[in-house]
């Protein structure tokens, strides 16, 4: 299926979980936050949460500083 990850279209396995997508794109699951269609996904749900074609996915990492 096709999703939009951080503003860029990409194709992923229709059965991919959030965790699988993160690993496939070299993100550290424990150090990022994920929002699907502007709703944050609980880290505990990364292994269960799957995508629907057209989902807008934002992966954000905390930044140091103030």
N, C-alpha and C. Protein backbone atom coordinates (compact mmCIF):
# COMPACT_ATOMS: atom_id res chain seq x y z
N UNK A 1 0.85 -1.19 0.00
CA UNK A 1 0.00 0.00 0.00
C UNK A 1 0.89 1.24 0.00
N UNK A 2 0.31 2.35 -0.35
CA UNK A 2 1.07 3.61 -0.37
C UNK A 2 0.66 4.46 0.82
N UNK A 3 1.67 4.98 1.53
CA UNK A 3 1.46 5.92 2.62
C UNK A 3 2.31 7.15 2.34
N UNK A 4 2.12 8.17 3.14
CA UNK A 4 2.96 9.36 3.05
C UNK A 4 3.72 9.46 4.36
N UNK A 5 5.03 9.25 4.29
CA UNK A 5 5.89 9.25 5.47
C UNK A 5 6.69 10.55 5.49
N UNK A 6 6.44 11.37 6.50
CA UNK A 6 7.13 12.65 6.63
C UNK A 6 7.10 13.44 5.31
N UNK A 7 5.95 13.43 4.66
CA UNK A 7 5.75 14.22 3.44
C UNK A 7 6.14 13.56 2.14
N UNK A 8 6.69 12.33 2.21
CA UNK A 8 7.12 11.64 0.99
C UNK A 8 6.33 10.35 0.81
N UNK A 9 5.85 10.15 -0.42
CA UNK A 9 5.11 8.92 -0.71
C UNK A 9 6.04 7.73 -0.70
N UNK A 10 5.54 6.63 -0.12
CA UNK A 10 6.31 5.40 -0.13
C UNK A 10 5.36 4.22 -0.12
N UNK A 11 5.84 3.10 -0.63
CA UNK A 11 5.06 1.88 -0.66
C UNK A 11 5.58 0.95 0.43
N UNK A 12 4.64 0.38 1.19
CA UNK A 12 5.01 -0.56 2.25
C UNK A 12 4.15 -1.82 2.12
N UNK A 13 4.58 -2.86 2.77
CA UNK A 13 3.83 -4.12 2.83
C UNK A 13 2.49 -3.84 3.50
N UNK A 14 1.37 -4.30 2.94
CA UNK A 14 0.06 -4.04 3.54
C UNK A 14 -0.09 -4.60 4.95
N UNK A 15 0.73 -5.57 5.32
CA UNK A 15 0.67 -6.16 6.67
C UNK A 15 1.66 -5.54 7.63
N UNK A 16 2.41 -4.54 7.19
CA UNK A 16 3.46 -3.94 8.03
C UNK A 16 2.85 -3.21 9.23
N UNK A 17 3.45 -3.44 10.37
CA UNK A 17 3.06 -2.71 11.58
C UNK A 17 3.89 -1.43 11.63
N UNK A 18 3.54 -0.56 12.55
CA UNK A 18 4.34 0.65 12.76
C UNK A 18 5.77 0.26 13.09
N UNK A 19 5.94 -0.71 13.98
CA UNK A 19 7.29 -1.14 14.37
C UNK A 19 8.08 -1.63 13.16
N UNK A 20 7.46 -2.44 12.31
CA UNK A 20 8.16 -2.97 11.13
C UNK A 20 8.54 -1.85 10.17
N UNK A 21 7.66 -0.87 9.98
CA UNK A 21 7.96 0.25 9.10
C UNK A 21 9.11 1.08 9.66
N UNK A 22 9.12 1.28 10.98
CA UNK A 22 10.21 2.04 11.58
C UNK A 22 11.55 1.34 11.39
N UNK A 23 11.58 0.05 11.67
CA UNK A 23 12.83 -0.72 11.51
C UNK A 23 13.29 -0.69 10.05
N UNK A 24 12.36 -0.88 9.12
CA UNK A 24 12.70 -0.88 7.69
C UNK A 24 13.27 0.46 7.23
N UNK A 25 12.92 1.53 7.96
CA UNK A 25 13.39 2.87 7.58
C UNK A 25 14.45 3.40 8.55
N UNK A 26 15.08 2.48 9.29
CA UNK A 26 16.21 2.79 10.18
C UNK A 26 15.90 3.75 11.31
N UNK A 27 14.67 3.69 11.84
CA UNK A 27 14.32 4.47 13.01
C UNK A 27 14.46 3.59 14.25
N UNK A 28 14.82 4.19 15.36
CA UNK A 28 14.88 3.49 16.64
C UNK A 28 13.51 3.60 17.29
N UNK A 29 12.78 2.50 17.39
CA UNK A 29 11.41 2.50 17.90
C UNK A 29 11.29 3.14 19.28
N UNK A 30 12.33 3.05 20.08
CA UNK A 30 12.28 3.59 21.42
C UNK A 30 12.59 5.06 21.52
N UNK A 31 12.97 5.67 20.41
CA UNK A 31 13.40 7.08 20.45
C UNK A 31 12.60 8.00 19.55
N UNK A 32 11.49 7.52 19.01
CA UNK A 32 10.68 8.36 18.14
C UNK A 32 9.22 8.31 18.55
N UNK A 33 8.49 9.30 18.12
CA UNK A 33 7.03 9.32 18.28
C UNK A 33 6.43 9.23 16.89
N UNK A 34 5.30 8.55 16.78
CA UNK A 34 4.65 8.35 15.48
C UNK A 34 3.21 8.85 15.55
N UNK A 35 2.85 9.64 14.55
CA UNK A 35 1.46 10.09 14.42
C UNK A 35 0.95 9.60 13.06
N UNK A 36 -0.26 9.05 13.06
CA UNK A 36 -0.92 8.64 11.83
C UNK A 36 -2.14 9.53 11.68
N UNK A 37 -2.18 10.26 10.58
CA UNK A 37 -3.28 11.20 10.33
C UNK A 37 -3.49 12.13 11.53
N UNK A 38 -2.38 12.65 12.04
CA UNK A 38 -2.34 13.64 13.13
C UNK A 38 -2.71 13.08 14.50
N UNK A 39 -2.83 11.76 14.64
CA UNK A 39 -3.11 11.15 15.95
C UNK A 39 -1.92 10.30 16.37
N UNK A 40 -1.36 10.62 17.53
CA UNK A 40 -0.20 9.88 17.99
C UNK A 40 -0.56 8.45 18.36
N UNK A 41 0.35 7.54 18.04
CA UNK A 41 0.19 6.11 18.33
C UNK A 41 0.99 5.82 19.60
N UNK A 42 0.38 5.15 20.55
CA UNK A 42 1.09 4.77 21.77
C UNK A 42 2.21 3.79 21.41
N UNK A 43 3.36 3.98 22.02
CA UNK A 43 4.52 3.12 21.73
C UNK A 43 4.17 1.65 21.97
N UNK A 44 3.33 1.38 22.95
CA UNK A 44 2.92 0.00 23.26
C UNK A 44 2.13 -0.62 22.10
N UNK A 45 1.60 0.19 21.20
CA UNK A 45 0.82 -0.30 20.07
C UNK A 45 1.61 -0.41 18.76
N UNK A 46 2.89 -0.06 18.78
CA UNK A 46 3.68 -0.08 17.54
C UNK A 46 3.67 -1.45 16.86
N UNK A 47 3.67 -2.53 17.62
CA UNK A 47 3.68 -3.88 17.03
C UNK A 47 2.33 -4.28 16.44
N UNK A 48 1.26 -3.67 16.93
CA UNK A 48 -0.10 -4.04 16.48
C UNK A 48 -0.68 -3.09 15.44
N UNK A 49 -0.31 -1.82 15.52
CA UNK A 49 -0.91 -0.80 14.65
C UNK A 49 -0.45 -0.98 13.21
N UNK A 50 -1.43 -1.10 12.31
CA UNK A 50 -1.12 -1.21 10.89
C UNK A 50 -1.63 0.03 10.17
N UNK A 51 -1.35 0.10 8.88
CA UNK A 51 -1.66 1.26 8.09
C UNK A 51 -2.81 0.99 7.12
N UNK A 52 -3.42 2.07 6.66
CA UNK A 52 -4.44 2.05 5.62
C UNK A 52 -3.87 2.88 4.48
N UNK A 53 -4.12 2.47 3.25
CA UNK A 53 -3.62 3.21 2.09
C UNK A 53 -3.96 4.69 2.24
N UNK A 54 -2.96 5.53 1.99
CA UNK A 54 -3.16 6.96 2.04
C UNK A 54 -2.88 7.59 3.39
N UNK A 55 -2.56 6.76 4.41
CA UNK A 55 -2.25 7.32 5.73
C UNK A 55 -1.12 8.33 5.62
N UNK A 56 -1.26 9.43 6.36
CA UNK A 56 -0.19 10.41 6.49
C UNK A 56 0.51 10.11 7.82
N UNK A 57 1.77 9.72 7.71
CA UNK A 57 2.54 9.27 8.89
C UNK A 57 3.66 10.26 9.16
N UNK A 58 3.74 10.72 10.40
CA UNK A 58 4.81 11.60 10.81
C UNK A 58 5.63 10.89 11.88
N UNK A 59 6.93 10.80 11.67
CA UNK A 59 7.84 10.23 12.66
C UNK A 59 8.71 11.38 13.16
N UNK A 60 8.67 11.62 14.45
CA UNK A 60 9.44 12.72 15.01
C UNK A 60 10.33 12.20 16.13
N UNK A 61 11.50 12.81 16.24
CA UNK A 61 12.46 12.45 17.27
C UNK A 61 12.68 13.67 18.15
N UNK A 62 12.84 13.47 19.46
CA UNK A 62 13.09 14.61 20.34
C UNK A 62 14.43 15.26 20.00
N UNK A 63 14.48 16.56 20.19
CA UNK A 63 15.70 17.31 19.93
C UNK A 63 16.23 17.87 21.25
N UNK A 64 17.55 17.85 21.39
CA UNK A 64 18.17 18.43 22.58
C UNK A 64 18.19 19.95 22.46
N UNK A 65 18.22 20.60 23.57
CA UNK A 65 18.29 22.06 23.54
C UNK A 65 17.09 22.67 24.21
N UNK A 66 16.94 23.95 24.05
CA UNK A 66 15.84 24.59 24.74
C UNK A 66 15.32 25.69 23.97
